[in-house]
Structure formats: structure tokens, C-alpha cells
Amino acid sequence: MTVRLDVAGGVAHLAFDRPEASNALDMAAGEAFEEALLQVRDDDAARVLLLSGNGRMFSSGGDLAAMADAQDRPSFVQALADQAHRGVRILDGLQKPVVVAVQGAAAGIGLSFVLASDLVVAARSARFVTAYTSVGLTPDGGQSWLLPRTVGLQRALELTLTPRRLTAEEAQQWGIVTRVVDDEAHLEQARALAEQLAAGPAEAFGRARRLLRSGWERSFDDQLDVEARSIAESAGTEESRALIEGFLSR
């Protein structure tokens, strides 16, 4: 098994489960990741996604050993990237908040998964690194789009063109990480945050995360129209009606 999915209390916990390979993404893991995300997307009981990695590391990125073993390496890497990107597209498009718990390292596409999430809880010893150019590769998983928008172009270039590894505290300062916590508490704190979101207006949270994450694609004028449609649709939900009535009754 390369990923594990468990849904309880409104939280869908999706964990990479290749600890012996530092949760590197091979074809089987990419396929399982896509399938699990589709389940989360379509499951009304899953109000929030919690993403984590089992073992000592969140994810070391793409599986370099699998790449090295491929007879036609360019074709294999193309297929692996295409498979991974199907998962990234689903992750980005979720109308559900995404919390990620990071320990060890988030490297390569592992960092892309972090950037595609919403709230990031990092163990104090966690490290964040692009890793691609150190092995003669270029970014994937949407990293070339997400990273400059998160940290700015100059910082993104520094992380991509040099071997710099960000500490958890630096990643928080640069806007990649939401909270830094003690190592032994990172998953517990991330789950508590996910449960807090699941207990709240998760449907509104999901719509809001899509508004913010997709805003880069539109002009300000177009974004106003999208906002108007979104708030109107939200106003028609039972979730919103109950919260508005509760607010007014106070």
C-alpha cells in the first residue's frame, strides 16, 4: 500500500505510506494518490483533507531510483509527471480545506504538495527544499507556478537554483508554513486544526479557498463577478442559513 485514506469525524486523512522509500512518489503511489483524492472530493462526509506522510519524512519527492531504472527515462519521467499532475489538479480544485502535516523533509514534488495545500503545520525539525536542479531536473507538481506566488520571484529563484534548505522557522517567515510546533506534536496539532475546520462551516471554507487559490488566474474585475456568484451560492446553503440565524438571534 502506497497511500492510506481514513475518513472520521469529517476529516479525510490521506497519508503517503512508503516510509522505506522516504515517501518518494513512484507510478503506483501517484495512481493511488489520484484515486484517494477522487474519493475525498466525492465524499460528503469528508469535509476537510488532512495530508501527511508516514515515517521519518513527509516526502522526498519523485522516486529517483525508479527513474534510474527506466529503459526510456524521458518517457518514464513524462508519464510520472503526468500522473502526479492529475493528483495535483484534483488537490488544487478541491472545495474543501486542506491541512498538511510536515516532518523530516518536504522535497521536490513533496514541496509542491505543501504549496498546493492551505494550512501547513510543520515539525520544528522539518526542512523544505526544491531539490530538482541538484539532480539536473526542473520543477514539477506546479511548483514553478506556486512557489513564486508564495515567496516571491527572487526567493523562488534562490530556492530553485541553489541547494538552500529552509528550516521550519524560515519557511514560516517566507509564507510557506502556518505553524511550527514541537516534533512529537506536529501530526496531533494538524489533526486538531483539521477537526476544528470540519466542525465549522467547511463548505464556506472550501468555497473561500477556491476563491483565493484561483484568483491569480483572473483580472480584478472578473474576480469581483466570481465573488458575487460564490457569496450568492453560499447564501443559499443550509449551513449559511443556520449560521446567519444563530448570529442574529444573539
C-alpha atoms as a PDB file:
ATOM      1  CA  MET A   1       0.000   0.000   0.000  1.00  0.00           C
ATOM      2  CA  THR A   2       1.445   3.364  -1.045  1.00  0.00           C
ATOM      3  CA  VAL A   3      -1.147   5.712   0.480  1.00  0.00           C
ATOM      4  CA  ARG A   4      -3.668   5.290   3.254  1.00  0.00           C
ATOM      5  CA  LEU A   5      -7.036   7.020   3.480  1.00  0.00           C
ATOM      6  CA  ASP A   6      -9.254   7.173   6.540  1.00  0.00           C
ATOM      7  CA  VAL A   7     -12.357   9.312   6.997  1.00  0.00           C
ATOM      8  CA  ALA A   8     -13.591  10.035  10.521  1.00  0.00           C
ATOM      9  CA  GLY A   9     -15.242  12.995  12.201  1.00  0.00           C
ATOM     10  CA  GLY A  10     -15.416  14.965   8.973  1.00  0.00           C
ATOM     11  CA  VAL A  11     -11.639  14.674   8.397  1.00  0.00           C
ATOM     12  CA  ALA A  12     -10.266  12.662   5.487  1.00  0.00           C
ATOM     13  CA  HIS A  13      -6.715  11.706   6.484  1.00  0.00           C
ATOM     14  CA  LEU A  14      -4.621  10.845   3.434  1.00  0.00           C
ATOM     15  CA  ALA A  15      -1.127   9.623   4.324  1.00  0.00           C
ATOM     16  CA  PHE A  16       1.735   8.739   1.999  1.00  0.00           C
ATOM     17  CA  ASP A  17       2.822   5.282   3.104  1.00  0.00           C
ATOM     18  CA  ARG A  18       6.181   4.404   1.577  1.00  0.00           C
ATOM     19  CA  PRO A  19       8.339   5.113   4.643  1.00  0.00           C
ATOM     20  CA  GLU A  20      11.057   2.739   3.442  1.00  0.00           C
ATOM     21  CA  ALA A  21      11.439   4.986   0.358  1.00  0.00           C
ATOM     22  CA  SER A  22      11.034   8.283   2.240  1.00  0.00           C
ATOM     23  CA  ASN A  23       7.546   8.516   0.701  1.00  0.00           C
ATOM     24  CA  ALA A  24       9.017   9.099  -2.750  1.00  0.00           C
ATOM     25  CA  LEU A  25       6.392   9.248  -5.481  1.00  0.00           C
ATOM     26  CA  ASP A  26       6.527   6.400  -7.992  1.00  0.00           C
ATOM     27  CA  MET A  27       3.842   5.485 -10.536  1.00  0.00           C
ATOM     28  CA  ALA A  28       1.893   3.290  -8.119  1.00  0.00           C
ATOM     29  CA  ALA A  29       1.924   5.999  -5.439  1.00  0.00           C
ATOM     30  CA  GLY A  30       0.846   8.608  -7.978  1.00  0.00           C
ATOM     31  CA  GLU A  31      -2.074   6.470  -9.103  1.00  0.00           C
ATOM     32  CA  ALA A  32      -3.106   5.745  -5.517  1.00  0.00           C
ATOM     33  CA  PHE A  33      -2.834   9.440  -4.644  1.00  0.00           C
ATOM     34  CA  GLU A  34      -5.145  10.381  -7.515  1.00  0.00           C
ATOM     35  CA  GLU A  35      -7.667   7.680  -6.590  1.00  0.00           C
ATOM     36  CA  ALA A  36      -7.700   8.701  -2.925  1.00  0.00           C
ATOM     37  CA  LEU A  37      -8.181  12.374  -3.800  1.00  0.00           C
ATOM     38  CA  LEU A  38     -11.133  11.492  -6.041  1.00  0.00           C
ATOM     39  CA  GLN A  39     -12.699   9.642  -3.104  1.00  0.00           C
ATOM     40  CA  VAL A  40     -12.175  12.667  -0.867  1.00  0.00           C
ATOM     41  CA  ARG A  41     -13.601  15.001  -3.493  1.00  0.00           C
ATOM     42  CA  ASP A  42     -16.762  12.953  -3.899  1.00  0.00           C
ATOM     43  CA  ASP A  43     -17.344  12.021  -0.237  1.00  0.00           C
ATOM     44  CA  ASP A  44     -19.722  14.437   1.515  1.00  0.00           C
ATOM     45  CA  ALA A  45     -18.585  13.025   4.865  1.00  0.00           C
ATOM     46  CA  ALA A  46     -15.068  14.273   4.126  1.00  0.00           C
ATOM     47  CA  ARG A  47     -15.311  17.959   4.992  1.00  0.00           C
ATOM     48  CA  VAL A  48     -11.573  18.615   5.361  1.00  0.00           C
ATOM     49  CA  LEU A  49      -8.482  16.901   3.939  1.00  0.00           C
ATOM     50  CA  LEU A  50      -5.504  16.198   6.204  1.00  0.00           C
ATOM     51  CA  LEU A  51      -2.373  15.282   4.240  1.00  0.00           C
ATOM     52  CA  SER A  52       0.646  13.668   5.903  1.00  0.00           C
ATOM     53  CA  GLY A  53       3.484  11.214   5.353  1.00  0.00           C
ATOM     54  CA  ASN A  54       4.190   8.129   7.439  1.00  0.00           C
ATOM     55  CA  GLY A  55       7.680   7.549   8.801  1.00  0.00           C
ATOM     56  CA  ARG A  56      10.517   9.999   9.288  1.00  0.00           C
ATOM     57  CA  MET A  57       9.820  12.157   6.232  1.00  0.00           C
ATOM     58  CA  PHE A  58       6.789  13.834   4.651  1.00  0.00           C
ATOM     59  CA  SER A  59       8.022  13.230   1.091  1.00  0.00           C
ATOM     60  CA  SER A  60      11.412  13.161  -0.606  1.00  0.00           C
ATOM     61  CA  GLY A  61       9.829  13.966  -3.996  1.00  0.00           C
ATOM     62  CA  GLY A  62       9.852  11.854  -7.141  1.00  0.00           C
ATOM     63  CA  ASP A  63      11.326   8.356  -6.982  1.00  0.00           C
ATOM     64  CA  LEU A  64      14.834   8.770  -8.405  1.00  0.00           C
ATOM     65  CA  ALA A  65      15.519   5.022  -8.200  1.00  0.00           C
ATOM     66  CA  ALA A  66      12.519   4.319 -10.428  1.00  0.00           C
ATOM     67  CA  MET A  67      13.718   6.983 -12.859  1.00  0.00           C
ATOM     68  CA  ALA A  68      17.217   5.484 -12.932  1.00  0.00           C
ATOM     69  CA  ASP A  69      15.829   2.006 -13.670  1.00  0.00           C
ATOM     70  CA  ALA A  70      13.649   3.133 -16.559  1.00  0.00           C
ATOM     71  CA  GLN A  71      14.800   1.972 -20.016  1.00  0.00           C
ATOM     72  CA  ASP A  72      13.413   5.132 -21.622  1.00  0.00           C
ATOM     73  CA  ARG A  73      13.995   7.656 -18.869  1.00  0.00           C
ATOM     74  CA  PRO A  74      12.462  10.753 -20.556  1.00  0.00           C
ATOM     75  CA  SER A  75       9.277   8.849 -21.426  1.00  0.00           C
ATOM     76  CA  PHE A  76       9.034   7.409 -17.935  1.00  0.00           C
ATOM     77  CA  VAL A  77       9.544  10.791 -16.250  1.00  0.00           C
ATOM     78  CA  GLN A  78       6.948  12.355 -18.564  1.00  0.00           C
ATOM     79  CA  ALA A  79       4.438   9.647 -17.619  1.00  0.00           C
ATOM     80  CA  LEU A  80       5.252  10.001 -13.907  1.00  0.00           C
ATOM     81  CA  ALA A  81       4.860  13.780 -14.029  1.00  0.00           C
ATOM     82  CA  ASP A  82       1.578  13.499 -15.941  1.00  0.00           C
ATOM     83  CA  GLN A  83       0.270  11.037 -13.349  1.00  0.00           C
ATOM     84  CA  ALA A  84       1.361  13.228 -10.432  1.00  0.00           C
ATOM     85  CA  HIS A  85      -0.205  16.266 -12.061  1.00  0.00           C
ATOM     86  CA  ARG A  86      -3.581  14.555 -12.254  1.00  0.00           C
ATOM     87  CA  GLY A  87      -3.463  14.356  -8.468  1.00  0.00           C
ATOM     88  CA  VAL A  88      -2.232  17.945  -8.119  1.00  0.00           C
ATOM     89  CA  ARG A  89      -5.105  19.195 -10.273  1.00  0.00           C
ATOM     90  CA  ILE A  90      -7.635  17.410  -8.051  1.00  0.00           C
ATOM     91  CA  LEU A  91      -5.912  18.711  -4.906  1.00  0.00           C
ATOM     92  CA  ASP A  92      -5.936  22.270  -6.212  1.00  0.00           C
ATOM     93  CA  GLY A  93      -9.587  22.065  -7.258  1.00  0.00           C
ATOM     94  CA  LEU A  94     -10.975  20.674  -4.001  1.00  0.00           C
ATOM     95  CA  GLN A  95     -13.832  22.661  -2.492  1.00  0.00           C
ATOM     96  CA  LYS A  96     -12.597  21.506   0.906  1.00  0.00           C
ATOM     97  CA  PRO A  97      -9.875  22.964   3.125  1.00  0.00           C
ATOM     98  CA  VAL A  98      -6.536  21.148   3.021  1.00  0.00           C
ATOM     99  CA  VAL A  99      -4.283  20.871   6.079  1.00  0.00           C
ATOM    100  CA  VAL A 100      -0.825  19.319   5.737  1.00  0.00           C
ATOM    101  CA  ALA A 101       1.459  17.978   8.469  1.00  0.00           C
ATOM    102  CA  VAL A 102       5.169  18.045   7.607  1.00  0.00           C
ATOM    103  CA  GLN A 103       8.030  16.251   9.332  1.00  0.00           C
ATOM    104  CA  GLY A 104      11.528  15.456   8.126  1.00  0.00           C
ATOM    105  CA  ALA A 105      11.720  16.913   4.629  1.00  0.00           C
ATOM    106  CA  ALA A 106       9.316  18.190   2.015  1.00  0.00           C
ATOM    107  CA  ALA A 107      11.421  17.984  -1.128  1.00  0.00           C
ATOM    108  CA  GLY A 108      10.733  18.166  -4.850  1.00  0.00           C
ATOM    109  CA  ILE A 109       7.099  17.413  -5.563  1.00  0.00           C
ATOM    110  CA  GLY A 110       6.638  16.934  -1.812  1.00  0.00           C
ATOM    111  CA  LEU A 111       7.152  20.690  -1.530  1.00  0.00           C
ATOM    112  CA  SER A 112       4.653  21.165  -4.372  1.00  0.00           C
ATOM    113  CA  PHE A 113       2.035  19.258  -2.361  1.00  0.00           C
ATOM    114  CA  VAL A 114       2.696  21.582   0.578  1.00  0.00           C
ATOM    115  CA  LEU A 115       2.338  24.673  -1.618  1.00  0.00           C
ATOM    116  CA  ALA A 116      -0.943  23.325  -3.049  1.00  0.00           C
ATOM    117  CA  SER A 117      -2.372  22.949   0.464  1.00  0.00           C
ATOM    118  CA  ASP A 118      -3.917  25.664   2.621  1.00  0.00           C
ATOM    119  CA  LEU A 119      -2.696  25.385   6.210  1.00  0.00           C
ATOM    120  CA  VAL A 120       0.715  23.869   6.953  1.00  0.00           C
ATOM    121  CA  VAL A 121       1.741  22.544  10.366  1.00  0.00           C
ATOM    122  CA  ALA A 122       5.465  21.789  10.440  1.00  0.00           C
ATOM    123  CA  ALA A 123       7.573  19.931  12.955  1.00  0.00           C
ATOM    124  CA  ARG A 124      10.339  22.159  14.276  1.00  0.00           C
ATOM    125  CA  SER A 125      12.998  19.956  12.658  1.00  0.00           C
ATOM    126  CA  ALA A 126      11.290  19.906   9.238  1.00  0.00           C
ATOM    127  CA  ARG A 127      13.141  21.136   6.169  1.00  0.00           C
ATOM    128  CA  PHE A 128      11.862  22.444   2.839  1.00  0.00           C
ATOM    129  CA  VAL A 129      13.900  22.116  -0.375  1.00  0.00           C
ATOM    130  CA  THR A 130      13.170  22.246  -4.097  1.00  0.00           C
ATOM    131  CA  ALA A 131      15.829  19.559  -4.831  1.00  0.00           C
ATOM    132  CA  TYR A 132      15.268  19.390  -8.615  1.00  0.00           C
ATOM    133  CA  THR A 133      18.310  21.151 -10.035  1.00  0.00           C
ATOM    134  CA  SER A 134      20.658  19.302  -7.670  1.00  0.00           C
ATOM    135  CA  VAL A 135      19.970  16.180  -9.773  1.00  0.00           C
ATOM    136  CA  GLY A 136      19.716  18.011 -13.097  1.00  0.00           C
ATOM    137  CA  LEU A 137      15.919  18.201 -13.218  1.00  0.00           C
ATOM    138  CA  THR A 138      13.375  21.028 -13.313  1.00  0.00           C
ATOM    139  CA  PRO A 139      10.312  21.629 -11.104  1.00  0.00           C
ATOM    140  CA  ASP A 140       7.026  19.780 -11.442  1.00  0.00           C
ATOM    141  CA  GLY A 141       3.823  19.472  -9.450  1.00  0.00           C
ATOM    142  CA  GLY A 142       3.023  23.104 -10.227  1.00  0.00           C
ATOM    143  CA  GLN A 143       5.999  24.302  -8.202  1.00  0.00           C
ATOM    144  CA  SER A 144       7.209  26.789 -10.832  1.00  0.00           C
ATOM    145  CA  TRP A 145       3.771  28.456 -10.616  1.00  0.00           C
ATOM    146  CA  LEU A 146       3.074  28.088  -6.890  1.00  0.00           C
ATOM    147  CA  LEU A 147       6.462  28.903  -5.381  1.00  0.00           C
ATOM    148  CA  PRO A 148       6.957  32.428  -6.849  1.00  0.00           C
ATOM    149  CA  ARG A 149       3.403  33.322  -5.861  1.00  0.00           C
ATOM    150  CA  THR A 150       4.058  32.149  -2.308  1.00  0.00           C
ATOM    151  CA  VAL A 151       7.539  33.536  -1.611  1.00  0.00           C
ATOM    152  CA  GLY A 152       8.204  35.984  -4.470  1.00  0.00           C
ATOM    153  CA  LEU A 153      10.285  35.501  -7.612  1.00  0.00           C
ATOM    154  CA  GLN A 154      13.743  36.212  -6.174  1.00  0.00           C
ATOM    155  CA  ARG A 155      13.303  33.843  -3.257  1.00  0.00           C
ATOM    156  CA  ALA A 156      11.824  31.208  -5.580  1.00  0.00           C
ATOM    157  CA  LEU A 157      14.860  31.504  -7.848  1.00  0.00           C
ATOM    158  CA  GLU A 158      17.219  31.187  -4.886  1.00  0.00           C
ATOM    159  CA  LEU A 159      15.467  28.028  -3.672  1.00  0.00           C
ATOM    160  CA  THR A 160      15.432  26.553  -7.176  1.00  0.00           C
ATOM    161  CA  LEU A 161      18.936  27.449  -8.369  1.00  0.00           C
ATOM    162  CA  THR A 162      20.851  26.835  -5.138  1.00  0.00           C
ATOM    163  CA  PRO A 163      20.851  23.923  -2.671  1.00  0.00           C
ATOM    164  CA  ARG A 164      19.356  26.056   0.097  1.00  0.00           C
ATOM    165  CA  ARG A 165      17.143  24.159   2.547  1.00  0.00           C
ATOM    166  CA  LEU A 166      14.667  26.194   4.556  1.00  0.00           C
ATOM    167  CA  THR A 167      14.165  25.403   8.225  1.00  0.00           C
ATOM    168  CA  ALA A 168      10.602  25.267   9.502  1.00  0.00           C
ATOM    169  CA  GLU A 169      11.005  28.706  11.072  1.00  0.00           C
ATOM    170  CA  GLU A 170      12.374  30.168   7.823  1.00  0.00           C
ATOM    171  CA  ALA A 171       9.564  28.564   5.850  1.00  0.00           C
ATOM    172  CA  GLN A 172       7.089  30.195   8.217  1.00  0.00           C
ATOM    173  CA  GLN A 173       8.761  33.581   7.734  1.00  0.00           C
ATOM    174  CA  TRP A 174       8.615  33.109   3.955  1.00  0.00           C
ATOM    175  CA  GLY A 175       4.893  32.281   3.999  1.00  0.00           C
ATOM    176  CA  ILE A 176       5.104  28.547   3.267  1.00  0.00           C
ATOM    177  CA  VAL A 177       4.283  27.302   6.781  1.00  0.00           C
ATOM    178  CA  THR A 178       1.378  28.325   9.011  1.00  0.00           C
ATOM    179  CA  ARG A 179       2.520  26.905  12.353  1.00  0.00           C
ATOM    180  CA  VAL A 180       5.756  25.443  13.716  1.00  0.00           C
ATOM    181  CA  VAL A 181       5.331  23.008  16.604  1.00  0.00           C
ATOM    182  CA  ASP A 182       7.413  20.512  18.546  1.00  0.00           C
ATOM    183  CA  ASP A 183       8.302  17.425  16.519  1.00  0.00           C
ATOM    184  CA  GLU A 184       6.253  14.963  18.525  1.00  0.00           C
ATOM    185  CA  ALA A 185       3.141  17.164  18.277  1.00  0.00           C
ATOM    186  CA  HIS A 186       3.046  18.043  14.582  1.00  0.00           C
ATOM    187  CA  LEU A 187       0.502  15.418  13.446  1.00  0.00           C
ATOM    188  CA  GLU A 188      -1.664  15.824  16.537  1.00  0.00           C
ATOM    189  CA  GLN A 189      -1.772  19.601  16.060  1.00  0.00           C
ATOM    190  CA  ALA A 190      -2.505  19.278  12.351  1.00  0.00           C
ATOM    191  CA  ARG A 191      -5.358  16.875  13.084  1.00  0.00           C
ATOM    192  CA  ALA A 192      -6.748  19.223  15.743  1.00  0.00           C
ATOM    193  CA  LEU A 193      -6.695  22.045  13.198  1.00  0.00           C
ATOM    194  CA  ALA A 194      -8.432  19.848  10.605  1.00  0.00           C
ATOM    195  CA  GLU A 195     -11.070  18.824  13.157  1.00  0.00           C
ATOM    196  CA  GLN A 196     -11.641  22.476  14.036  1.00  0.00           C
ATOM    197  CA  LEU A 197     -12.278  23.277  10.386  1.00  0.00           C
ATOM    198  CA  ALA A 198     -14.508  20.220   9.941  1.00  0.00           C
ATOM    199  CA  ALA A 199     -16.633  21.341  12.900  1.00  0.00           C
ATOM    200  CA  GLY A 200     -17.113  24.783  11.331  1.00  0.00           C
ATOM    201  CA  PRO A 201     -18.669  25.921   8.043  1.00  0.00           C
ATOM    202  CA  ALA A 202     -16.446  23.670   5.939  1.00  0.00           C
ATOM    203  CA  GLU A 203     -18.494  24.291   2.794  1.00  0.00           C
ATOM    204  CA  ALA A 204     -17.836  28.029   3.074  1.00  0.00           C
ATOM    205  CA  PHE A 205     -14.190  27.326   3.876  1.00  0.00           C
ATOM    206  CA  GLY A 206     -13.930  25.259   0.704  1.00  0.00           C
ATOM    207  CA  ARG A 207     -15.507  27.950  -1.461  1.00  0.00           C
ATOM    208  CA  ALA A 208     -13.239  30.575   0.103  1.00  0.00           C
ATOM    209  CA  ARG A 209     -10.086  28.521  -0.517  1.00  0.00           C
ATOM    210  CA  ARG A 210     -11.040  28.150  -4.172  1.00  0.00           C
ATOM    211  CA  LEU A 211     -11.635  31.896  -4.481  1.00  0.00           C
ATOM    212  CA  LEU A 212      -8.224  32.701  -3.045  1.00  0.00           C
ATOM    213  CA  ARG A 213      -6.312  29.977  -4.858  1.00  0.00           C
ATOM    214  CA  SER A 214      -7.887  30.690  -8.253  1.00  0.00           C
ATOM    215  CA  GLY A 215      -7.727  34.473  -8.021  1.00  0.00           C
ATOM    216  CA  TRP A 216      -4.330  34.571  -9.750  1.00  0.00           C
ATOM    217  CA  GLU A 217      -5.991  33.346 -12.921  1.00  0.00           C
ATOM    218  CA  ARG A 218      -8.364  36.304 -13.310  1.00  0.00           C
ATOM    219  CA  SER A 219      -8.393  40.063 -13.527  1.00  0.00           C
ATOM    220  CA  PHE A 220      -9.665  42.016 -10.531  1.00  0.00           C
ATOM    221  CA  ASP A 221     -12.863  42.853 -12.408  1.00  0.00           C
ATOM    222  CA  ASP A 222     -13.525  39.199 -13.242  1.00  0.00           C
ATOM    223  CA  GLN A 223     -12.743  38.181  -9.667  1.00  0.00           C
ATOM    224  CA  LEU A 224     -15.461  40.518  -8.410  1.00  0.00           C
ATOM    225  CA  ASP A 225     -18.003  38.693 -10.588  1.00  0.00           C
ATOM    226  CA  VAL A 226     -16.803  35.301  -9.331  1.00  0.00           C
ATOM    227  CA  GLU A 227     -17.014  36.534  -5.730  1.00  0.00           C
ATOM    228  CA  ALA A 228     -20.572  37.739  -6.254  1.00  0.00           C
ATOM    229  CA  ARG A 229     -21.665  34.367  -7.629  1.00  0.00           C
ATOM    230  CA  SER A 230     -19.893  32.498  -4.855  1.00  0.00           C
ATOM    231  CA  ILE A 231     -21.369  34.504  -1.985  1.00  0.00           C
ATOM    232  CA  ALA A 232     -24.832  34.202  -3.554  1.00  0.00           C
ATOM    233  CA  GLU A 233     -24.488  30.421  -3.839  1.00  0.00           C
ATOM    234  CA  SER A 234     -23.187  30.243  -0.268  1.00  0.00           C
ATOM    235  CA  ALA A 235     -26.143  32.254   0.991  1.00  0.00           C
ATOM    236  CA  GLY A 236     -28.474  29.562  -0.325  1.00  0.00           C
ATOM    237  CA  THR A 237     -26.929  26.732   1.702  1.00  0.00           C
ATOM    238  CA  GLU A 238     -28.416  25.303   4.879  1.00  0.00           C
ATOM    239  CA  GLU A 239     -25.044  25.839   6.530  1.00  0.00           C
ATOM    240  CA  SER A 240     -25.175  29.584   5.922  1.00  0.00           C
ATOM    241  CA  ARG A 241     -28.848  29.939   6.830  1.00  0.00           C
ATOM    242  CA  ALA A 242     -28.273  28.309  10.216  1.00  0.00           C
ATOM    243  CA  LEU A 243     -25.197  30.408  10.961  1.00  0.00           C
ATOM    244  CA  ILE A 244     -26.890  33.675   9.981  1.00  0.00           C
ATOM    245  CA  GLU A 245     -29.952  32.847  12.085  1.00  0.00           C
ATOM    246  CA  GLY A 246     -27.721  31.939  15.009  1.00  0.00           C
ATOM    247  CA  PHE A 247     -25.812  35.205  14.681  1.00  0.00           C
ATOM    248  CA  LEU A 248     -28.991  37.313  14.527  1.00  0.00           C
ATOM    249  CA  SER A 249     -30.542  35.507  17.487  1.00  0.00           C
ATOM    250  CA  ARG A 250     -27.681  36.727  19.671  1.00  0.00           C
END
